[in-house]
Amino acid sequence: MLTWKEEKTIPANIEKVWELFSDENLQRIMPNVVEHTPIEKKEGIVGSTYRQSYKEGRRIETYIVETLAYENTENQKHLAIGFNLAKAFEIQTMFTLIKVDESQTRFIYEGSNKGINFIGKVMLKLAGEKNNNKVVQDFMDTVERESLVSATA
């Protein structure tokens, strides 16, 4: 199983950063997500499900994403989601935003990727932690870049 927890301070208002995690803006920070369609939206958000399709090269994987945790207060925002990918991986990710001040936000990205069958376990070993760290870092950089675009808009 791969796990990660990375933090970064983004020079943007917490609300501007949080907007990027909305259904409407998700593709700005996850450009390979080619579909994000609500299946069932629950009151309070937790338990809501979405059909999501992700394009990797020429292959498109479709899976169901469930909201596991949600918090939206003035000083802290939190979203946790989980999904199974290709019947081989169980993935959980958490995005936490903490207001440092009016123009700075601490962004915490953590999660896990667990092989749920032999193929998934082998693929995780082959992909390795170094590759996972690059994916995590690229995502964090994208969130920061898009937050700065939003902050100046």
N, C-alpha and C. Protein backbone atom coordinates (compact mmCIF):
# COMPACT_ATOMS: atom_id res chain seq x y z
N MET A 1 0.84 -1.18 0.00
CA MET A 1 0.00 0.00 0.00
C MET A 1 0.89 1.24 0.00
N LEU A 2 0.52 2.19 -0.84
CA LEU A 2 1.20 3.48 -0.87
C LEU A 2 0.40 4.48 -0.05
N THR A 3 1.10 5.28 0.75
CA THR A 3 0.44 6.37 1.48
C THR A 3 1.24 7.64 1.28
N TRP A 4 0.57 8.78 1.43
CA TRP A 4 1.26 10.05 1.30
C TRP A 4 0.58 11.11 2.15
N LYS A 5 1.34 12.10 2.54
CA LYS A 5 0.82 13.28 3.23
C LYS A 5 1.81 14.40 2.94
N GLU A 6 1.35 15.37 2.18
CA GLU A 6 2.18 16.51 1.81
C GLU A 6 1.46 17.80 2.17
N GLU A 7 2.24 18.83 2.50
CA GLU A 7 1.68 20.15 2.83
C GLU A 7 2.36 21.21 2.03
N LYS A 8 1.61 22.28 1.77
CA LYS A 8 2.14 23.41 1.02
C LYS A 8 1.33 24.64 1.40
N THR A 9 2.00 25.77 1.56
CA THR A 9 1.28 27.02 1.78
C THR A 9 1.11 27.71 0.44
N ILE A 10 -0.13 28.02 0.12
CA ILE A 10 -0.47 28.65 -1.16
C ILE A 10 -0.81 30.11 -0.90
N PRO A 11 -0.19 31.03 -1.64
CA PRO A 11 -0.46 32.46 -1.44
C PRO A 11 -1.78 32.89 -2.10
N ALA A 12 -2.88 32.34 -1.59
CA ALA A 12 -4.21 32.68 -2.10
C ALA A 12 -5.23 32.50 -0.97
N ASN A 13 -6.34 33.21 -1.08
CA ASN A 13 -7.42 33.13 -0.11
C ASN A 13 -8.02 31.72 -0.09
N ILE A 14 -8.37 31.24 1.09
CA ILE A 14 -8.91 29.89 1.25
C ILE A 14 -10.12 29.63 0.35
N GLU A 15 -11.00 30.63 0.19
CA GLU A 15 -12.20 30.45 -0.63
C GLU A 15 -11.84 30.25 -2.10
N LYS A 16 -10.81 30.95 -2.58
CA LYS A 16 -10.37 30.80 -3.97
C LYS A 16 -9.81 29.40 -4.20
N VAL A 17 -9.06 28.90 -3.25
CA VAL A 17 -8.49 27.54 -3.37
C VAL A 17 -9.63 26.52 -3.31
N TRP A 18 -10.56 26.70 -2.39
CA TRP A 18 -11.66 25.75 -2.20
C TRP A 18 -12.54 25.65 -3.44
N GLU A 19 -12.73 26.75 -4.15
CA GLU A 19 -13.54 26.75 -5.38
C GLU A 19 -13.04 25.70 -6.38
N LEU A 20 -11.75 25.45 -6.38
CA LEU A 20 -11.17 24.50 -7.34
C LEU A 20 -11.63 23.06 -7.09
N PHE A 21 -12.12 22.76 -5.89
CA PHE A 21 -12.56 21.41 -5.56
C PHE A 21 -14.07 21.23 -5.81
N SER A 22 -14.72 22.25 -6.34
CA SER A 22 -16.15 22.14 -6.67
C SER A 22 -16.33 21.31 -7.94
N ASP A 23 -17.53 20.77 -8.11
CA ASP A 23 -17.82 19.95 -9.30
C ASP A 23 -17.51 20.72 -10.58
N GLU A 24 -17.84 22.02 -10.61
CA GLU A 24 -17.67 22.82 -11.81
C GLU A 24 -16.21 23.08 -12.18
N ASN A 25 -15.33 23.11 -11.19
CA ASN A 25 -13.92 23.48 -11.42
C ASN A 25 -12.95 22.31 -11.31
N LEU A 26 -13.45 21.13 -11.03
CA LEU A 26 -12.59 19.97 -10.76
C LEU A 26 -11.57 19.71 -11.87
N GLN A 27 -11.99 19.88 -13.13
CA GLN A 27 -11.08 19.58 -14.24
C GLN A 27 -9.91 20.55 -14.33
N ARG A 28 -10.01 21.70 -13.68
CA ARG A 28 -8.87 22.62 -13.65
C ARG A 28 -7.70 22.03 -12.87
N ILE A 29 -8.02 21.26 -11.82
CA ILE A 29 -6.94 20.68 -11.01
C ILE A 29 -6.73 19.20 -11.31
N MET A 30 -7.68 18.60 -12.02
CA MET A 30 -7.57 17.19 -12.44
C MET A 30 -7.93 17.11 -13.92
N PRO A 31 -7.03 17.59 -14.79
CA PRO A 31 -7.36 17.67 -16.21
C PRO A 31 -7.62 16.32 -16.88
N ASN A 32 -7.16 15.22 -16.30
CA ASN A 32 -7.41 13.90 -16.89
C ASN A 32 -8.79 13.35 -16.54
N VAL A 33 -9.50 14.03 -15.64
CA VAL A 33 -10.87 13.64 -15.34
C VAL A 33 -11.74 14.21 -16.47
N VAL A 34 -12.26 13.31 -17.30
CA VAL A 34 -13.03 13.75 -18.47
C VAL A 34 -14.53 13.74 -18.22
N GLU A 35 -14.95 13.15 -17.11
CA GLU A 35 -16.36 13.17 -16.72
C GLU A 35 -16.44 13.15 -15.20
N HIS A 36 -17.34 13.98 -14.67
CA HIS A 36 -17.61 14.01 -13.23
C HIS A 36 -19.09 14.33 -13.09
N THR A 37 -19.90 13.27 -12.99
CA THR A 37 -21.35 13.43 -13.01
C THR A 37 -21.96 12.95 -11.70
N PRO A 38 -22.74 13.80 -11.03
CA PRO A 38 -23.39 13.36 -9.80
C PRO A 38 -24.35 12.20 -10.06
N ILE A 39 -24.29 11.19 -9.21
CA ILE A 39 -25.26 10.09 -9.24
C ILE A 39 -26.31 10.36 -8.18
N GLU A 40 -25.83 10.61 -6.95
CA GLU A 40 -26.72 10.92 -5.84
C GLU A 40 -26.02 11.94 -4.93
N LYS A 41 -26.65 13.11 -4.79
CA LYS A 41 -26.12 14.12 -3.87
C LYS A 41 -26.92 14.05 -2.58
N LYS A 42 -26.22 13.82 -1.49
CA LYS A 42 -26.88 13.69 -0.19
C LYS A 42 -26.79 15.01 0.57
N GLU A 43 -27.79 15.23 1.40
CA GLU A 43 -27.78 16.41 2.26
C GLU A 43 -26.58 16.28 3.20
N GLY A 44 -25.82 17.34 3.33
CA GLY A 44 -24.62 17.29 4.16
C GLY A 44 -23.41 16.77 3.39
N ILE A 45 -23.58 16.41 2.14
CA ILE A 45 -22.53 16.00 1.20
C ILE A 45 -22.00 14.58 1.44
N VAL A 46 -21.72 14.20 2.70
CA VAL A 46 -21.14 12.88 2.98
C VAL A 46 -22.09 11.79 2.47
N GLY A 47 -21.54 10.82 1.73
CA GLY A 47 -22.33 9.75 1.16
C GLY A 47 -22.75 10.02 -0.28
N SER A 48 -22.50 11.24 -0.77
CA SER A 48 -22.81 11.56 -2.16
C SER A 48 -21.91 10.73 -3.07
N THR A 49 -22.44 10.36 -4.24
CA THR A 49 -21.67 9.57 -5.19
C THR A 49 -21.66 10.24 -6.56
N TYR A 50 -20.57 9.99 -7.30
CA TYR A 50 -20.35 10.59 -8.61
C TYR A 50 -19.77 9.53 -9.54
N ARG A 51 -20.18 9.60 -10.80
CA ARG A 51 -19.53 8.77 -11.82
C ARG A 51 -18.39 9.62 -12.37
N GLN A 52 -17.20 9.06 -12.32
CA GLN A 52 -16.03 9.79 -12.78
C GLN A 52 -15.29 8.95 -13.81
N SER A 53 -14.84 9.60 -14.87
CA SER A 53 -14.03 8.93 -15.88
C SER A 53 -12.69 9.64 -15.97
N TYR A 54 -11.64 8.85 -16.03
CA TYR A 54 -10.26 9.36 -16.02
C TYR A 54 -9.56 8.83 -17.26
N LYS A 55 -8.92 9.73 -17.99
CA LYS A 55 -8.22 9.34 -19.21
C LYS A 55 -6.73 9.21 -18.94
N GLU A 56 -6.21 8.03 -19.21
CA GLU A 56 -4.77 7.75 -19.06
C GLU A 56 -4.29 7.28 -20.43
N GLY A 57 -3.60 8.15 -21.16
CA GLY A 57 -3.20 7.82 -22.53
C GLY A 57 -4.45 7.72 -23.39
N ARG A 58 -4.65 6.57 -24.02
CA ARG A 58 -5.85 6.39 -24.85
C ARG A 58 -6.94 5.61 -24.11
N ARG A 59 -6.63 5.16 -22.90
CA ARG A 59 -7.58 4.38 -22.11
C ARG A 59 -8.40 5.28 -21.18
N ILE A 60 -9.67 5.00 -21.06
CA ILE A 60 -10.53 5.72 -20.12
C ILE A 60 -11.09 4.74 -19.11
N GLU A 61 -10.88 5.03 -17.82
CA GLU A 61 -11.41 4.22 -16.73
C GLU A 61 -12.58 4.98 -16.10
N THR A 62 -13.69 4.29 -15.89
CA THR A 62 -14.84 4.89 -15.23
C THR A 62 -15.06 4.18 -13.90
N TYR A 63 -15.37 4.94 -12.87
CA TYR A 63 -15.52 4.40 -11.52
C TYR A 63 -16.48 5.30 -10.75
N ILE A 64 -16.88 4.85 -9.58
CA ILE A 64 -17.79 5.60 -8.72
C ILE A 64 -17.00 6.17 -7.54
N VAL A 65 -17.11 7.48 -7.35
CA VAL A 65 -16.44 8.18 -6.26
C VAL A 65 -17.48 8.47 -5.17
N GLU A 66 -17.12 8.18 -3.92
CA GLU A 66 -18.00 8.50 -2.80
C GLU A 66 -17.34 9.53 -1.89
N THR A 67 -18.14 10.51 -1.47
CA THR A 67 -17.65 11.50 -0.51
C THR A 67 -17.70 10.87 0.88
N LEU A 68 -16.53 10.77 1.52
CA LEU A 68 -16.41 10.11 2.82
C LEU A 68 -16.45 11.09 3.98
N ALA A 69 -15.98 12.32 3.75
CA ALA A 69 -15.99 13.35 4.79
C ALA A 69 -16.04 14.71 4.12
N TYR A 70 -16.68 15.67 4.79
CA TYR A 70 -16.81 17.01 4.22
C TYR A 70 -16.95 18.01 5.35
N GLU A 71 -16.18 19.09 5.25
CA GLU A 71 -16.27 20.19 6.21
C GLU A 71 -16.04 21.48 5.45
N ASN A 72 -16.86 22.47 5.73
CA ASN A 72 -16.71 23.77 5.06
C ASN A 72 -17.00 24.86 6.07
N THR A 73 -15.96 25.28 6.80
CA THR A 73 -16.09 26.37 7.75
C THR A 73 -15.22 27.54 7.27
N GLU A 74 -15.32 28.63 7.93
CA GLU A 74 -14.59 29.83 7.52
C GLU A 74 -13.07 29.61 7.53
N ASN A 75 -12.59 28.86 8.51
CA ASN A 75 -11.15 28.70 8.67
C ASN A 75 -10.60 27.35 8.21
N GLN A 76 -11.48 26.40 7.93
CA GLN A 76 -11.00 25.09 7.49
C GLN A 76 -11.99 24.45 6.53
N LYS A 77 -11.45 23.83 5.48
CA LYS A 77 -12.23 23.09 4.49
C LYS A 77 -11.61 21.70 4.41
N HIS A 78 -12.46 20.68 4.26
CA HIS A 78 -11.94 19.31 4.20
C HIS A 78 -12.85 18.47 3.32
N LEU A 79 -12.23 17.70 2.44
CA LEU A 79 -12.96 16.79 1.57
C LEU A 79 -12.20 15.48 1.51
N ALA A 80 -12.88 14.38 1.80
CA ALA A 80 -12.28 13.05 1.68
C ALA A 80 -13.16 12.24 0.74
N ILE A 81 -12.50 11.57 -0.21
CA ILE A 81 -13.22 10.74 -1.18
C ILE A 81 -12.58 9.37 -1.26
N GLY A 82 -13.34 8.40 -1.73
CA GLY A 82 -12.82 7.06 -1.92
C GLY A 82 -13.41 6.44 -3.16
N PHE A 83 -12.63 5.58 -3.80
CA PHE A 83 -13.11 4.87 -4.98
C PHE A 83 -12.23 3.67 -5.26
N ASN A 84 -12.79 2.71 -6.00
CA ASN A 84 -12.03 1.56 -6.49
C ASN A 84 -11.77 1.79 -7.96
N LEU A 85 -10.52 1.58 -8.37
CA LEU A 85 -10.12 1.82 -9.75
C LEU A 85 -9.75 0.50 -10.42
N ALA A 86 -10.37 0.21 -11.55
CA ALA A 86 -10.04 -0.94 -12.39
C ALA A 86 -10.10 -2.27 -11.64
N LYS A 87 -10.93 -2.35 -10.62
CA LYS A 87 -11.07 -3.56 -9.81
C LYS A 87 -9.72 -4.03 -9.24
N ALA A 88 -8.75 -3.12 -9.20
CA ALA A 88 -7.42 -3.49 -8.74
C ALA A 88 -6.91 -2.61 -7.59
N PHE A 89 -7.46 -1.40 -7.46
CA PHE A 89 -6.95 -0.45 -6.47
C PHE A 89 -8.09 0.14 -5.65
N GLU A 90 -7.84 0.30 -4.36
CA GLU A 90 -8.74 1.02 -3.47
C GLU A 90 -8.02 2.31 -3.09
N ILE A 91 -8.59 3.44 -3.50
CA ILE A 91 -7.92 4.72 -3.32
C ILE A 91 -8.77 5.62 -2.43
N GLN A 92 -8.11 6.25 -1.47
CA GLN A 92 -8.74 7.28 -0.64
C GLN A 92 -7.84 8.49 -0.64
N THR A 93 -8.46 9.66 -0.84
CA THR A 93 -7.70 10.90 -0.81
C THR A 93 -8.42 11.91 0.08
N MET A 94 -7.62 12.76 0.71
CA MET A 94 -8.15 13.81 1.57
C MET A 94 -7.47 15.12 1.23
N PHE A 95 -8.30 16.15 1.12
CA PHE A 95 -7.81 17.49 0.82
C PHE A 95 -8.26 18.38 1.97
N THR A 96 -7.30 19.01 2.65
CA THR A 96 -7.62 19.89 3.78
C THR A 96 -7.01 21.25 3.50
N LEU A 97 -7.83 22.28 3.68
CA LEU A 97 -7.37 23.67 3.55
C LEU A 97 -7.55 24.35 4.89
N ILE A 98 -6.50 25.03 5.33
CA ILE A 98 -6.55 25.76 6.59
C ILE A 98 -6.17 27.21 6.32
N LYS A 99 -7.02 28.11 6.77
CA LYS A 99 -6.78 29.54 6.57
C LYS A 99 -5.63 30.00 7.45
N VAL A 100 -4.56 30.49 6.80
CA VAL A 100 -3.43 31.04 7.55
C VAL A 100 -3.74 32.51 7.84
N ASP A 101 -4.12 33.24 6.81
CA ASP A 101 -4.61 34.61 6.90
C ASP A 101 -5.43 34.88 5.64
N GLU A 102 -5.80 36.13 5.38
CA GLU A 102 -6.67 36.43 4.24
C GLU A 102 -6.06 36.09 2.88
N SER A 103 -4.74 36.00 2.82
CA SER A 103 -4.11 35.77 1.51
C SER A 103 -3.21 34.53 1.48
N GLN A 104 -3.33 33.67 2.49
CA GLN A 104 -2.53 32.44 2.52
C GLN A 104 -3.36 31.27 3.05
N THR A 105 -3.16 30.13 2.40
CA THR A 105 -3.88 28.92 2.77
C THR A 105 -2.90 27.76 2.86
N ARG A 106 -3.00 27.00 3.94
CA ARG A 106 -2.19 25.78 4.04
C ARG A 106 -3.00 24.64 3.42
N PHE A 107 -2.40 23.97 2.45
CA PHE A 107 -3.03 22.88 1.70
C PHE A 107 -2.37 21.58 2.12
N ILE A 108 -3.17 20.64 2.62
CA ILE A 108 -2.68 19.33 3.03
C ILE A 108 -3.37 18.29 2.13
N TYR A 109 -2.55 17.48 1.47
CA TYR A 109 -3.06 16.43 0.59
C TYR A 109 -2.53 15.11 1.10
N GLU A 110 -3.44 14.22 1.45
CA GLU A 110 -3.02 12.91 1.95
C GLU A 110 -3.91 11.83 1.39
N GLY A 111 -3.39 10.62 1.39
CA GLY A 111 -4.19 9.54 0.87
C GLY A 111 -3.48 8.21 0.90
N SER A 112 -4.17 7.24 0.31
CA SER A 112 -3.61 5.90 0.23
C SER A 112 -4.10 5.22 -1.05
N ASN A 113 -3.27 4.32 -1.54
CA ASN A 113 -3.58 3.53 -2.72
C ASN A 113 -3.20 2.10 -2.37
N LYS A 114 -4.22 1.24 -2.31
CA LYS A 114 -4.01 -0.14 -1.86
C LYS A 114 -4.39 -1.09 -2.99
N GLY A 115 -3.52 -2.01 -3.29
CA GLY A 115 -3.85 -3.07 -4.25
C GLY A 115 -4.85 -4.01 -3.63
N ILE A 116 -5.97 -4.26 -4.33
CA ILE A 116 -7.00 -5.12 -3.75
C ILE A 116 -7.03 -6.52 -4.36
N ASN A 117 -6.15 -6.75 -5.32
CA ASN A 117 -5.98 -8.10 -5.85
C ASN A 117 -4.52 -8.27 -6.24
N PHE A 118 -4.15 -9.42 -6.73
CA PHE A 118 -2.75 -9.70 -7.05
C PHE A 118 -2.20 -8.69 -8.07
N ILE A 119 -2.96 -8.43 -9.12
CA ILE A 119 -2.49 -7.50 -10.17
C ILE A 119 -2.28 -6.10 -9.59
N GLY A 120 -3.23 -5.64 -8.78
CA GLY A 120 -3.09 -4.31 -8.17
C GLY A 120 -1.87 -4.21 -7.28
N LYS A 121 -1.62 -5.24 -6.49
CA LYS A 121 -0.46 -5.24 -5.59
C LYS A 121 0.84 -5.22 -6.38
N VAL A 122 0.91 -6.01 -7.45
CA VAL A 122 2.12 -6.05 -8.28
C VAL A 122 2.33 -4.69 -8.96
N MET A 123 1.25 -4.12 -9.50
CA MET A 123 1.37 -2.84 -10.20
C MET A 123 1.85 -1.73 -9.26
N LEU A 124 1.37 -1.75 -8.01
CA LEU A 124 1.83 -0.73 -7.05
C LEU A 124 3.31 -0.90 -6.75
N LYS A 125 3.75 -2.14 -6.63
CA LYS A 125 5.19 -2.38 -6.38
C LYS A 125 6.03 -1.89 -7.56
N LEU A 126 5.56 -2.15 -8.78
CA LEU A 126 6.30 -1.73 -9.98
C LEU A 126 6.31 -0.21 -10.13
N ALA A 127 5.17 0.43 -9.84
CA ALA A 127 5.08 1.88 -9.99
C ALA A 127 6.00 2.57 -8.98
N GLY A 128 6.01 2.06 -7.78
CA GLY A 128 6.93 2.55 -6.76
C GLY A 128 6.54 3.87 -6.14
N GLU A 129 7.18 4.12 -5.01
CA GLU A 129 6.91 5.33 -4.23
C GLU A 129 7.40 6.59 -4.93
N LYS A 130 8.52 6.48 -5.64
CA LYS A 130 9.09 7.65 -6.33
C LYS A 130 8.10 8.20 -7.36
N ASN A 131 7.50 7.30 -8.14
CA ASN A 131 6.52 7.72 -9.14
C ASN A 131 5.29 8.33 -8.46
N ASN A 132 4.83 7.71 -7.36
CA ASN A 132 3.68 8.23 -6.62
C ASN A 132 3.97 9.62 -6.08
N ASN A 133 5.19 9.82 -5.54
CA ASN A 133 5.56 11.13 -5.01
C ASN A 133 5.52 12.21 -6.10
N LYS A 134 5.92 11.84 -7.32
CA LYS A 134 5.88 12.80 -8.43
C LYS A 134 4.44 13.16 -8.77
N VAL A 135 3.55 12.17 -8.79
CA VAL A 135 2.13 12.42 -9.07
C VAL A 135 1.54 13.35 -8.00
N VAL A 136 1.85 13.09 -6.74
CA VAL A 136 1.36 13.91 -5.63
C VAL A 136 1.89 15.34 -5.77
N GLN A 137 3.19 15.49 -6.03
CA GLN A 137 3.80 16.81 -6.16
C GLN A 137 3.22 17.57 -7.35
N ASP A 138 3.03 16.88 -8.47
CA ASP A 138 2.43 17.52 -9.65
C ASP A 138 1.02 18.02 -9.34
N PHE A 139 0.24 17.23 -8.62
CA PHE A 139 -1.11 17.64 -8.25
C PHE A 139 -1.07 18.89 -7.36
N MET A 140 -0.20 18.88 -6.36
CA MET A 140 -0.11 20.03 -5.46
C MET A 140 0.31 21.29 -6.22
N ASP A 141 1.25 21.14 -7.15
CA ASP A 141 1.69 22.28 -7.96
C ASP A 141 0.55 22.80 -8.83
N THR A 142 -0.27 21.89 -9.36
CA THR A 142 -1.42 22.29 -10.18
C THR A 142 -2.43 23.07 -9.34
N VAL A 143 -2.72 22.59 -8.14
CA VAL A 143 -3.64 23.31 -7.25
C VAL A 143 -3.11 24.70 -6.95
N GLU A 144 -1.81 24.80 -6.67
CA GLU A 144 -1.23 26.12 -6.39
C GLU A 144 -1.32 27.02 -7.62
N ARG A 145 -0.94 26.51 -8.78
CA ARG A 145 -0.97 27.31 -10.01
C ARG A 145 -2.39 27.80 -10.32
N GLU A 146 -3.36 26.91 -10.24
CA GLU A 146 -4.74 27.29 -10.53
C GLU A 146 -5.31 28.24 -9.46
N SER A 147 -4.86 28.11 -8.22
CA SER A 147 -5.28 29.02 -7.16
C SER A 147 -4.78 30.43 -7.44
N LEU A 148 -3.57 30.51 -7.94
CA LEU A 148 -3.00 31.83 -8.26
C LEU A 148 -3.72 32.46 -9.44
N VAL A 149 -4.12 31.64 -10.42
CA VAL A 149 -4.90 32.14 -11.55
C VAL A 149 -6.24 32.69 -11.04
N SER A 150 -6.89 31.94 -10.14
CA SER A 150 -8.18 32.35 -9.57
C SER A 150 -8.02 33.62 -8.73
N ALA A 151 -6.92 33.71 -8.00
CA ALA A 151 -6.71 34.86 -7.11
C ALA A 151 -6.55 36.15 -7.89
N THR A 152 -6.01 36.07 -9.09
CA THR A 152 -5.80 37.29 -9.88
C THR A 152 -6.97 37.58 -10.82
N ALA A 153 -7.91 36.64 -10.89
CA ALA A 153 -9.06 36.84 -11.81
C ALA A 153 -10.10 37.75 -11.20
